[in-house]
N, C-alpha and C. Protein backbone atom coordinates (compact mmCIF):
# COMPACT_ATOMS: atom_id res chain seq x y z
N MET A 1 150.76 171.03 52.88
CA MET A 1 150.64 172.02 53.99
C MET A 1 150.16 173.70 52.82
N ASN A 2 149.00 174.12 53.69
CA ASN A 2 148.20 175.14 52.98
C ASN A 2 149.19 176.52 53.38
N VAL A 3 149.44 177.22 52.66
CA VAL A 3 150.27 178.66 53.03
C VAL A 3 149.64 179.88 52.39
N LYS A 4 149.15 181.35 53.14
CA LYS A 4 148.83 182.10 52.00
C LYS A 4 149.60 183.31 52.39
N PRO A 5 149.76 183.81 51.38
CA PRO A 5 150.57 185.55 51.82
C PRO A 5 149.67 186.06 52.94
N LEU A 6 150.56 186.01 53.62
CA LEU A 6 150.18 187.47 54.87
C LEU A 6 150.03 189.11 54.54
N GLY A 7 151.00 189.67 53.68
CA GLY A 7 151.17 190.96 52.95
C GLY A 7 151.92 191.35 54.09
N ILE A 8 153.13 190.86 54.89
CA ILE A 8 153.59 191.52 55.27
C ILE A 8 155.26 191.05 55.06
N VAL A 9 155.66 192.18 54.89
CA VAL A 9 157.49 192.00 54.49
C VAL A 9 157.90 192.79 55.70
N ARG A 10 159.53 191.97 55.80
CA ARG A 10 160.39 192.58 56.98
C ARG A 10 161.74 192.32 56.30
N LYS A 11 162.63 193.38 56.35
CA LYS A 11 163.88 193.21 56.55
C LYS A 11 164.84 192.84 57.07
N ILE A 12 166.09 192.18 56.42
CA ILE A 12 167.05 191.18 57.11
C ILE A 12 167.62 192.06 57.84
N ASP A 13 168.09 192.78 59.62
CA ASP A 13 168.85 193.39 59.76
C ASP A 13 170.56 193.22 59.55
N GLU A 14 171.18 193.55 59.74
CA GLU A 14 173.00 193.55 59.52
C GLU A 14 173.09 192.63 60.63
N LEU A 15 172.66 191.73 61.21
CA LEU A 15 172.92 191.03 62.36
C LEU A 15 172.29 189.17 62.09
N GLY A 16 172.00 189.48 61.17
CA GLY A 16 170.88 188.91 60.21
C GLY A 16 169.22 188.13 60.97
N ARG A 17 168.63 189.48 61.70
CA ARG A 17 167.41 189.03 62.15
C ARG A 17 166.50 189.72 61.61
N ILE A 18 165.33 188.66 61.59
CA ILE A 18 164.25 188.89 61.11
C ILE A 18 163.16 189.53 61.94
N VAL A 19 162.51 190.43 62.33
CA VAL A 19 161.56 190.90 63.78
C VAL A 19 159.88 190.18 63.33
N ILE A 20 159.29 188.79 64.01
CA ILE A 20 158.16 188.38 63.61
C ILE A 20 156.91 189.75 64.25
N PRO A 21 156.42 190.13 63.41
CA PRO A 21 155.21 191.18 64.12
C PRO A 21 154.43 190.40 65.09
N LYS A 22 154.30 191.64 65.69
CA LYS A 22 153.36 191.56 66.91
C LYS A 22 151.90 190.80 66.96
N GLU A 23 151.66 191.61 65.55
CA GLU A 23 150.40 190.31 65.16
C GLU A 23 150.50 189.21 64.80
N VAL A 24 150.94 189.02 64.15
CA VAL A 24 151.71 187.12 64.08
C VAL A 24 151.80 186.39 65.42
N ARG A 25 153.01 187.07 66.24
CA ARG A 25 153.19 186.34 67.67
C ARG A 25 151.82 186.33 68.14
N ARG A 26 150.76 187.15 68.34
CA ARG A 26 149.51 187.17 69.18
C ARG A 26 148.72 186.14 68.45
N GLN A 27 148.59 185.92 67.22
CA GLN A 27 147.74 184.95 66.14
C GLN A 27 148.23 183.60 67.13
N GLN A 28 149.59 183.73 66.61
CA GLN A 28 149.75 182.41 67.04
C GLN A 28 150.36 182.10 68.49
N GLY A 29 149.71 182.96 69.49
CA GLY A 29 150.02 182.58 70.87
C GLY A 29 151.73 183.01 71.42
N TRP A 30 152.35 183.28 70.38
CA TRP A 30 153.74 182.88 70.91
C TRP A 30 154.10 184.09 71.31
N THR A 31 154.92 184.27 72.67
CA THR A 31 155.58 184.84 73.89
C THR A 31 156.49 185.15 73.53
N THR A 32 157.33 186.13 74.41
CA THR A 32 158.59 186.38 74.49
C THR A 32 159.28 184.46 75.37
N GLY A 33 160.12 184.72 74.71
CA GLY A 33 160.90 183.60 75.23
C GLY A 33 160.47 181.79 74.60
N THR A 34 159.37 181.99 73.33
CA THR A 34 158.83 180.78 72.89
C THR A 34 159.21 180.39 72.26
N PRO A 35 160.10 178.61 72.28
CA PRO A 35 160.87 178.15 71.18
C PRO A 35 160.54 178.39 69.61
N VAL A 36 160.97 178.63 68.75
CA VAL A 36 160.21 178.21 67.41
C VAL A 36 161.22 177.57 66.71
N GLU A 37 161.06 177.26 65.59
CA GLU A 37 162.06 176.24 64.48
C GLU A 37 161.79 176.62 63.11
N MET A 38 162.95 176.49 62.28
CA MET A 38 162.94 176.99 61.02
C MET A 38 163.11 175.29 60.04
N LEU A 39 162.09 175.61 59.23
CA LEU A 39 162.08 174.03 58.32
C LEU A 39 162.12 174.37 56.96
N GLY A 40 162.98 173.94 56.39
CA GLY A 40 163.08 174.34 55.00
C GLY A 40 162.73 173.07 53.73
N SER A 41 162.77 173.92 52.80
CA SER A 41 161.81 172.91 51.50
C SER A 41 161.67 173.48 50.35
N GLU A 42 161.31 173.01 49.15
CA GLU A 42 161.78 173.73 47.99
C GLU A 42 160.86 175.17 47.99
N ASP A 43 160.09 175.24 48.81
CA ASP A 43 158.76 176.73 48.89
C ASP A 43 159.69 177.66 49.10
N GLY A 44 160.91 177.22 50.52
CA GLY A 44 161.12 178.40 50.77
C GLY A 44 161.15 177.98 52.65
N VAL A 45 160.96 178.92 53.44
CA VAL A 45 161.41 178.27 54.52
C VAL A 45 160.20 178.95 55.68
N PHE A 46 159.85 178.16 56.58
CA PHE A 46 159.06 177.99 57.46
C PHE A 46 159.19 178.22 59.07
N ILE A 47 158.21 178.80 59.91
CA ILE A 47 158.51 179.06 61.10
C ILE A 47 157.42 178.30 62.02
N ARG A 48 157.80 177.52 63.06
CA ARG A 48 156.62 176.83 63.42
C ARG A 48 157.13 176.88 64.88
N PRO A 49 156.06 177.26 66.02
CA PRO A 49 156.83 176.30 67.17
C PRO A 49 157.46 175.31 67.65
N TYR A 50 158.75 175.46 68.65
CA TYR A 50 159.34 174.04 68.95
C TYR A 50 158.81 173.60 69.84
N SER A 51 158.94 172.22 69.79
CA SER A 51 158.09 171.35 70.91
C SER A 51 158.80 170.12 71.10
N ILE A 52 159.53 170.20 72.30
CA ILE A 52 160.27 168.42 72.81
C ILE A 52 159.30 167.82 73.15
N GLY A 53 158.06 167.92 72.74
CA GLY A 53 157.03 166.53 73.64
C GLY A 53 156.46 166.96 74.80
N ASP A 54 156.12 165.88 75.80
CA ASP A 54 155.80 166.17 76.90
C ASP A 54 156.69 166.65 77.86
N GLN A 55 157.76 167.15 77.80
CA GLN A 55 158.81 167.52 78.80
C GLN A 55 158.54 169.23 78.84
N ASP A 56 157.96 169.48 77.54
CA ASP A 56 157.72 170.95 77.48
C ASP A 56 157.11 171.29 78.56
N ALA A 57 155.94 171.13 79.22
CA ALA A 57 155.57 171.87 80.17
C ALA A 57 156.39 171.60 81.53
N VAL A 58 156.99 170.40 81.57
CA VAL A 58 158.21 170.51 82.75
C VAL A 58 158.96 171.36 82.95
N ILE A 59 159.95 171.91 81.76
CA ILE A 59 161.24 173.04 81.19
C ILE A 59 160.46 174.47 82.11
N ARG A 60 158.90 174.55 81.30
CA ARG A 60 158.28 175.68 81.24
C ARG A 60 157.90 175.88 83.11
N ALA A 61 157.46 175.17 83.83
CA ALA A 61 157.50 175.13 85.20
C ALA A 61 158.59 175.26 86.47
N LEU A 62 160.13 174.74 85.08
CA LEU A 62 160.86 174.80 86.09
C LEU A 62 161.50 176.22 86.12
N GLU A 63 161.53 176.52 84.56
CA GLU A 63 162.09 177.82 84.31
C GLU A 63 160.89 179.17 84.85
N ALA A 64 159.86 178.74 85.65
CA ALA A 64 159.15 179.90 85.87
C ALA A 64 159.29 179.91 87.39
N LYS A 65 159.81 178.55 88.25
CA LYS A 65 160.36 178.92 89.71
C LYS A 65 161.43 179.27 89.80
N LYS A 66 162.50 178.94 88.47
CA LYS A 66 163.73 180.00 88.86
C LYS A 66 163.80 181.18 88.55
N SER A 67 162.26 181.80 88.26
CA SER A 67 162.79 183.51 88.19
C SER A 67 162.02 183.64 89.75
N PHE A 68 161.55 183.07 90.43
CA PHE A 68 160.86 183.73 91.42
C PHE A 68 162.22 183.15 93.04
N VAL A 69 163.34 182.06 92.40
CA VAL A 69 164.22 181.92 93.60
C VAL A 69 165.20 182.60 93.25
N GLU A 70 165.38 183.05 94.54
CA GLU A 70 167.04 184.28 94.89
C GLU A 70 168.23 183.49 95.07
N ASP A 71 168.08 182.10 95.97
CA ASP A 71 169.41 181.29 96.32
C ASP A 71 170.22 181.10 95.00
N VAL A 72 171.19 181.30 94.92
CA VAL A 72 172.37 181.47 93.80
C VAL A 72 172.38 179.16 93.47
N ARG A 73 172.46 178.55 94.92
CA ARG A 73 172.42 177.04 94.77
C ARG A 73 171.13 176.51 94.26
N VAL A 74 170.03 176.84 94.42
CA VAL A 74 169.06 176.76 93.87
C VAL A 74 168.98 176.83 92.82
N LYS A 75 169.27 177.73 92.00
CA LYS A 75 169.05 178.48 90.61
C LYS A 75 170.42 177.33 89.63
N LYS A 76 171.23 177.28 90.29
CA LYS A 76 171.84 176.44 89.57
C LYS A 76 171.32 174.90 89.37
N ALA A 77 171.01 174.57 90.49
CA ALA A 77 170.31 173.11 90.50
C ALA A 77 169.30 173.47 89.63
N LEU A 78 168.22 174.02 89.54
CA LEU A 78 167.23 174.32 88.64
C LEU A 78 167.64 174.11 87.22
N ASP A 79 168.72 175.06 86.87
CA ASP A 79 169.19 175.19 85.50
C ASP A 79 169.91 173.64 85.04
N LEU A 80 170.43 172.97 86.17
CA LEU A 80 170.95 171.64 85.62
C LEU A 80 169.75 170.97 85.38
N ALA A 81 168.74 170.90 86.20
CA ALA A 81 167.73 169.93 85.91
C ALA A 81 166.73 170.38 84.57
N ILE A 82 166.87 171.94 84.25
CA ILE A 82 166.44 172.34 83.14
C ILE A 82 166.81 171.68 82.01
N ASN A 83 168.01 171.78 82.35
CA ASN A 83 169.20 171.11 80.68
C ASN A 83 168.79 169.63 80.74
N THR A 84 168.67 168.73 81.98
CA THR A 84 168.64 167.32 81.92
C THR A 84 167.16 167.24 80.66
N PHE A 85 166.66 168.03 80.50
CA PHE A 85 165.58 167.59 79.62
C PHE A 85 165.55 167.71 78.67
N LYS A 86 166.62 169.01 78.70
CA LYS A 86 167.08 169.41 76.99
C LYS A 86 167.73 168.60 76.30
């Protein structure tokens, strides 16, 4: 793994959160709602986008449709479908 310092330092807030700078998110193509996972090693903690494989595209499509649906029953059905893929 080739790791280089970015020269960016952030403090952990009182709730344990760290803000990922906009420049880093933009460079990585991460938008609001992008799932990320943390990996630990002897050298520290690393963050990368989380993927569950081919099902990612299906989940994103269902979530996008859900945002346009107003019928509560349809939203619940979409939620159920999304959760079966997770």
